[in-house]
């Protein structure tokens, strides 16, 4: 939960304890800031595009390299964009 969500919960219980409402309000699990699963691990940006570069014939072509639309960093694949560079332990466990 984010700080704003905790403040909302505390205010709700304050109202119950003061007798201003008779029961607590049921709040959803993620109130105001749900985190998208598909997001940049660096900046939290939710979109990327393929880098466009010229090939050997001077034609503009899309490359496999991804560029985050939020921070502008380059990544070799979507997994690295989401999770970052895997550590040695993560690679051995996979």
Protein backbone atom coordinates (compact mmCIF):
# COMPACT_ATOMS: atom_id res chain seq x y z
CA UNK A 1 0.00 0.00 0.00
CA UNK A 2 1.04 3.55 -0.60
CA UNK A 3 1.05 6.30 2.02
CA UNK A 4 -2.19 7.78 0.65
CA UNK A 5 -3.88 4.39 1.08
CA UNK A 6 -2.73 4.09 4.71
CA UNK A 7 -4.02 7.59 5.41
CA UNK A 8 -7.43 6.58 4.05
CA UNK A 9 -7.48 3.46 6.26
CA UNK A 10 -6.49 5.47 9.35
CA UNK A 11 -9.19 8.07 8.66
CA UNK A 12 -11.79 5.33 8.29
CA UNK A 13 -10.92 3.82 11.69
CA UNK A 14 -10.85 7.29 13.24
CA UNK A 15 -14.45 7.83 12.10
CA UNK A 16 -15.50 4.44 13.51
CA UNK A 17 -13.85 5.10 16.89
CA UNK A 18 -15.53 8.53 17.12
CA UNK A 19 -18.90 6.97 16.37
CA UNK A 20 -19.34 9.01 13.19
CA UNK A 21 -19.85 5.86 11.11
CA UNK A 22 -21.05 2.50 12.39
CA UNK A 23 -18.67 0.16 10.55
CA UNK A 24 -15.44 0.39 8.55
CA UNK A 25 -15.62 0.89 4.84
CA UNK A 26 -14.35 -2.07 2.85
CA UNK A 27 -11.45 -0.88 0.73
CA UNK A 28 -10.08 -2.58 -2.40
CA UNK A 29 -6.61 -4.16 -2.17
CA UNK A 30 -4.96 -1.55 -4.37
CA UNK A 31 -6.65 1.76 -3.92
CA UNK A 32 -5.00 4.48 -5.90
CA UNK A 33 -1.75 3.24 -7.42
CA UNK A 34 -1.94 -0.21 -8.98
CA UNK A 35 1.41 -1.14 -10.52
CA UNK A 36 1.24 -2.53 -14.04
CA UNK A 37 3.05 -5.83 -14.50
CA UNK A 38 4.43 -4.75 -17.86
CA UNK A 39 6.65 -1.83 -16.88
CA UNK A 40 10.27 -0.69 -17.02
CA UNK A 41 12.27 -1.83 -14.00
CA UNK A 42 14.22 1.47 -14.03
CA UNK A 43 11.59 4.20 -14.37
CA UNK A 44 8.22 2.41 -14.20
CA UNK A 45 7.33 3.46 -17.75
CA UNK A 46 4.67 1.29 -19.38
CA UNK A 47 5.70 1.47 -23.03
CA UNK A 48 8.71 0.95 -25.25
CA UNK A 49 9.52 0.96 -28.95
CA UNK A 50 11.98 -0.85 -31.18
CA UNK A 51 15.08 1.08 -32.10
CA UNK A 52 15.09 2.05 -35.78
CA UNK A 53 18.48 2.04 -37.52
CA UNK A 54 19.86 1.90 -41.03
CA UNK A 55 20.96 -1.46 -42.40
CA UNK A 56 23.87 -2.12 -44.76
CA UNK A 57 21.75 -0.83 -47.70
CA UNK A 58 21.01 2.45 -45.86
CA UNK A 59 17.36 1.44 -45.36
CA UNK A 60 15.64 2.25 -42.09
CA UNK A 61 14.72 -0.99 -40.30
CA UNK A 62 13.43 -1.92 -36.89
CA UNK A 63 16.02 -3.65 -34.69
CA UNK A 64 15.45 -6.12 -31.85
CA UNK A 65 16.70 -3.51 -29.35
CA UNK A 66 13.94 -1.97 -27.21
CA UNK A 67 13.98 1.64 -26.03
CA UNK A 68 11.91 2.62 -23.01
CA UNK A 69 9.56 5.52 -23.75
CA UNK A 70 9.92 6.71 -20.14
CA UNK A 71 13.67 6.84 -19.51
CA UNK A 72 15.10 6.31 -23.02
CA UNK A 73 17.36 3.42 -21.94
CA UNK A 74 18.00 0.55 -24.34
CA UNK A 75 17.27 -3.10 -23.54
CA UNK A 76 17.98 -6.28 -25.52
CA UNK A 77 14.58 -7.88 -24.81
CA UNK A 78 11.29 -7.44 -22.97
CA UNK A 79 12.36 -9.58 -20.00
CA UNK A 80 15.35 -7.33 -19.34
CA UNK A 81 13.13 -4.24 -19.74
CA UNK A 82 10.77 -5.62 -17.08
CA UNK A 83 13.14 -7.37 -14.66
CA UNK A 84 16.58 -5.90 -15.26
CA UNK A 85 19.79 -7.79 -15.92
CA UNK A 86 19.56 -11.24 -14.32
CA UNK A 87 22.14 -12.07 -11.68
CA UNK A 88 24.27 -15.22 -11.84
CA UNK A 89 22.04 -16.90 -9.23
CA UNK A 90 18.87 -16.11 -11.20
CA UNK A 91 20.40 -17.55 -14.38
CA UNK A 92 21.44 -20.79 -12.62
CA UNK A 93 18.03 -21.17 -11.00
CA UNK A 94 16.11 -20.75 -14.25
